[in-house]
Amino acid sequence: MKKDTFTKKAGVAAVAMLSAASAGGASRSGAQESTQRGTVVVEAPYFCNVKALNTEERKKHEELTRKLLAKRRDMVEMEKGYEFQYAAEDVSVAEVAEWVVAESKCCPFFDFHIDLEKQGRLVCLRLTGRENIKTFIRSEFGLK
């Protein structure tokens, strides 16, 4: 099979995770990548479906990813993942939900949690999952 590479992501580490399914560009360091009927093996046991979103959906998803990365007020490390926090005036629950719907199509291995806290002033997005998901999130989003 032909080996594919991913576009290096920038920016919930920005476009990294959200556009993890886009093909073309430089490969990420330390990740094993191969194609299997539209599925890209990123870091076992995580698989991103590169055909989950059409061109228009991918463009909108990448725009939302950039916004979420740029507007993030705080990031909290949790036992099984990370929580990204946003001011409600910067990012709406609807925008986070739209991002989750698209991301869940290409990266179904994530568990997504959306919370509205502090009397509606804080929008929170938690990404959690199986063993080693935090390593995957840090790699994909460029988190340190």
Protein backbone atom coordinates (compact mmCIF):
# COMPACT_ATOMS: atom_id res chain seq x y z
CA MET A 1 0.00 0.00 0.00
CA LYS A 2 1.05 3.55 -0.64
CA LYS A 3 2.32 5.46 2.38
CA ASP A 4 0.56 8.76 3.09
CA THR A 5 1.74 11.69 5.14
CA PHE A 6 -0.21 14.27 7.07
CA THR A 7 -0.14 18.02 7.04
CA LYS A 8 1.73 19.22 10.09
CA LYS A 9 -0.89 20.72 12.38
CA ALA A 10 -0.76 24.05 14.10
CA GLY A 11 -2.68 25.51 16.64
CA VAL A 12 -7.33 22.37 20.90
CA ALA A 13 -3.62 22.08 19.82
CA ALA A 14 -5.08 23.77 16.97
CA VAL A 15 -5.67 22.49 13.63
CA ALA A 16 -3.60 19.52 14.63
CA MET A 17 -6.21 17.25 15.93
CA LEU A 18 -9.07 18.68 14.08
CA SER A 19 -7.44 18.33 10.75
CA ALA A 20 -5.59 15.17 11.62
CA ALA A 21 -7.35 13.48 8.80
CA SER A 22 -6.13 15.80 6.06
CA ALA A 23 -3.62 14.25 3.73
CA GLY A 24 -0.52 15.77 2.20
CA GLY A 25 2.43 17.57 3.74
CA ALA A 26 5.11 16.70 6.23
CA SER A 27 4.69 13.74 8.52
CA ARG A 28 4.55 14.17 12.29
CA SER A 29 7.57 13.02 14.21
CA GLY A 30 7.28 9.70 15.98
CA ALA A 31 4.00 8.66 14.39
CA GLN A 32 3.50 5.58 12.24
CA GLU A 33 1.33 6.32 9.22
CA SER A 34 -0.14 4.08 6.53
CA THR A 35 -3.32 3.93 4.50
CA GLN A 36 -5.97 1.26 4.59
CA ARG A 37 -9.14 2.04 2.63
CA GLY A 38 -9.27 5.69 3.70
CA THR A 39 -8.19 5.06 7.28
CA VAL A 40 -4.84 6.35 8.45
CA VAL A 41 -3.07 4.61 11.29
CA VAL A 42 -1.75 7.43 13.41
CA GLU A 43 -0.43 5.94 16.63
CA ALA A 44 -1.74 2.49 17.43
CA PRO A 45 -4.42 1.94 18.52
CA TYR A 46 -5.74 5.27 17.17
CA PHE A 47 -7.09 5.53 13.62
CA CYS A 48 -8.23 8.68 11.83
CA ASN A 49 -10.69 8.27 8.96
CA VAL A 50 -9.33 10.55 6.24
CA LYS A 51 -12.53 10.30 4.21
CA ALA A 52 -14.95 11.13 7.02
CA LEU A 53 -15.44 14.75 5.96
CA ASN A 54 -15.94 16.14 2.48
CA THR A 55 -13.95 19.15 1.28
CA GLU A 56 -16.47 21.72 2.53
CA GLU A 57 -16.88 20.02 5.91
CA ARG A 58 -13.09 19.74 6.29
CA LYS A 59 -12.65 23.46 5.57
CA LYS A 60 -15.28 24.43 8.17
CA HIS A 61 -13.77 21.99 10.69
CA GLU A 62 -10.29 23.44 10.20
CA GLU A 63 -11.67 26.97 10.68
CA LEU A 64 -13.36 25.94 13.92
CA THR A 65 -10.19 24.19 15.06
CA ARG A 66 -8.13 27.32 14.52
CA LYS A 67 -10.69 29.35 16.46
CA LEU A 68 -10.79 26.88 19.35
CA LEU A 69 -7.01 26.86 19.57
CA ALA A 70 -6.72 30.63 19.39
CA LYS A 71 -9.50 31.39 21.89
CA ARG A 72 -8.58 28.79 24.51
CA ARG A 73 -8.37 30.49 27.91
CA ASP A 74 -7.00 27.53 29.85
CA MET A 75 -6.14 23.87 29.54
CA VAL A 76 -6.47 21.48 32.47
CA GLU A 77 -4.73 18.11 32.47
CA MET A 78 -7.00 15.37 33.77
CA GLU A 79 -6.39 11.72 34.59
CA LYS A 80 -7.70 10.49 31.21
CA GLY A 81 -7.27 13.51 28.96
CA TYR A 82 -7.47 17.29 28.84
CA GLU A 83 -10.12 19.96 29.34
CA PHE A 84 -10.02 23.07 27.18
CA GLN A 85 -11.76 26.13 28.62
CA TYR A 86 -13.27 29.07 26.76
CA ALA A 87 -15.02 32.29 27.70
CA ALA A 88 -18.63 32.07 26.53
CA GLU A 89 -18.26 35.41 24.75
CA ASP A 90 -15.40 33.97 22.66
CA VAL A 91 -16.67 30.47 21.84
CA SER A 92 -20.26 29.25 21.98
CA VAL A 93 -21.49 25.86 23.11
CA ALA A 94 -22.92 25.47 19.58
CA GLU A 95 -19.46 25.97 18.03
CA VAL A 96 -17.90 23.42 20.37
CA ALA A 97 -20.73 20.98 19.60
CA GLU A 98 -20.26 21.50 15.85
CA TRP A 99 -16.54 20.79 16.24
CA VAL A 100 -17.28 17.64 18.28
CA VAL A 101 -19.70 16.29 15.66
CA ALA A 102 -17.12 16.66 12.88
CA GLU A 103 -14.17 15.45 14.96
CA SER A 104 -16.09 12.38 16.09
CA LYS A 105 -16.49 11.35 12.46
CA CYS A 106 -12.77 11.30 11.73
CA CYS A 107 -11.49 10.42 15.22
CA PRO A 108 -14.14 8.21 16.84
CA PHE A 109 -11.72 6.99 19.53
CA PHE A 110 -12.19 10.21 21.55
CA ASP A 111 -14.71 10.59 24.33
CA PHE A 112 -16.11 14.13 24.16
CA HIS A 113 -17.58 16.08 27.07
CA ILE A 114 -19.07 19.57 26.78
CA ASP A 115 -19.88 21.55 29.91
CA LEU A 116 -21.29 25.01 30.51
CA GLU A 117 -20.07 26.27 33.89
CA LYS A 118 -19.87 29.41 36.06
CA GLN A 119 -23.45 30.44 35.33
CA GLY A 120 -22.93 30.13 31.59
CA ARG A 121 -19.69 32.11 31.43
CA LEU A 122 -17.31 29.17 30.89
CA VAL A 123 -17.54 26.67 28.03
CA CYS A 124 -15.49 23.53 28.58
CA LEU A 125 -14.49 20.79 26.14
CA ARG A 126 -12.94 17.63 27.57
CA LEU A 127 -11.20 15.12 25.34
CA THR A 128 -10.65 11.77 26.98
CA GLY A 129 -10.20 8.20 25.88
CA ARG A 130 -8.31 4.96 26.22
CA GLU A 131 -4.78 4.34 27.41
CA ASN A 132 -2.19 6.74 26.00
CA ILE A 133 -4.80 9.19 24.71
CA LYS A 134 -3.02 12.04 26.50
CA THR A 135 0.15 11.31 24.53
CA PHE A 136 -1.88 11.36 21.32
CA ILE A 137 -3.59 14.65 22.24
CA ARG A 138 -0.28 16.31 23.15
CA SER A 139 1.26 15.16 19.87
CA GLU A 140 -1.66 16.16 17.70
CA PHE A 141 -2.23 19.54 19.33
CA GLY A 142 1.37 20.43 19.94
CA LEU A 143 0.83 20.62 23.70
CA LYS A 144 3.73 20.65 26.11
